[in-house]
Amino acid sequence: MTASPEVVQAPLSTEELAMRYRAMSEDPCFANVPGKLELDNWGRILMTPPSFYHGVIAGRLVRRLAAALGGEAVTDATIATPSGVFLPDVAWASPQFMSQHGSEFAVTRAPEICVEVVSPSNSVRELNEKRNAYLAAGAQEVWMVYPQSKRIEFYGAQGQLPCSHYVVDLSDIFS
């Protein structure tokens, strides 16, 4: 007995995920959905509800990254990875990255820095999956920002870092 053609038999490829995400983004049914929409590796929709303080922290990070490093600091950069289509809360991209990937709808190579501002609804498993996906897609660093405990963790390909290799003043990001 063969499976129905509508049934997904395996996780989707990065290209299929990017196409599915683009179609979802262009679908008027999703036009007014509040929060961040992502896709897991099967193409299922993941939704994170918005929070004002979360947005405040993300905004501060965007301003600090842009001021310290130049390039582009953006919110909700769409990154298609083999693990899913994820939107880090903040991403920093160098001018070189922007010249190569800046016009893509969903990049398949992650910008140099991907930042997750952790919400109470995030699970450890979800955060680990996103961190690993960003690093596997080429991010040089992934920052996990914990507003409730007012701490930041930095990760690179070799694991957790004592501090970021990028010089950005984050001393009062939570005040």
Foldseek 3Di string as FASTA:
>chain_A
DDDDPVDDPDFDALVVQLVLVVVVVPDPVCVPDAADWWAFRNRDIDGDHDDPLLLLLLVLVQVQCCVQPPAHKDAQQWERFNGITGGARIAGAHPVRCVVPVVPNHHPAGGQEGEHEDDPPDDPVNVVSVQVRNQVSHHQKYWYADLVVGDIWIAGPVGTDPDDPGDTDCPPSND
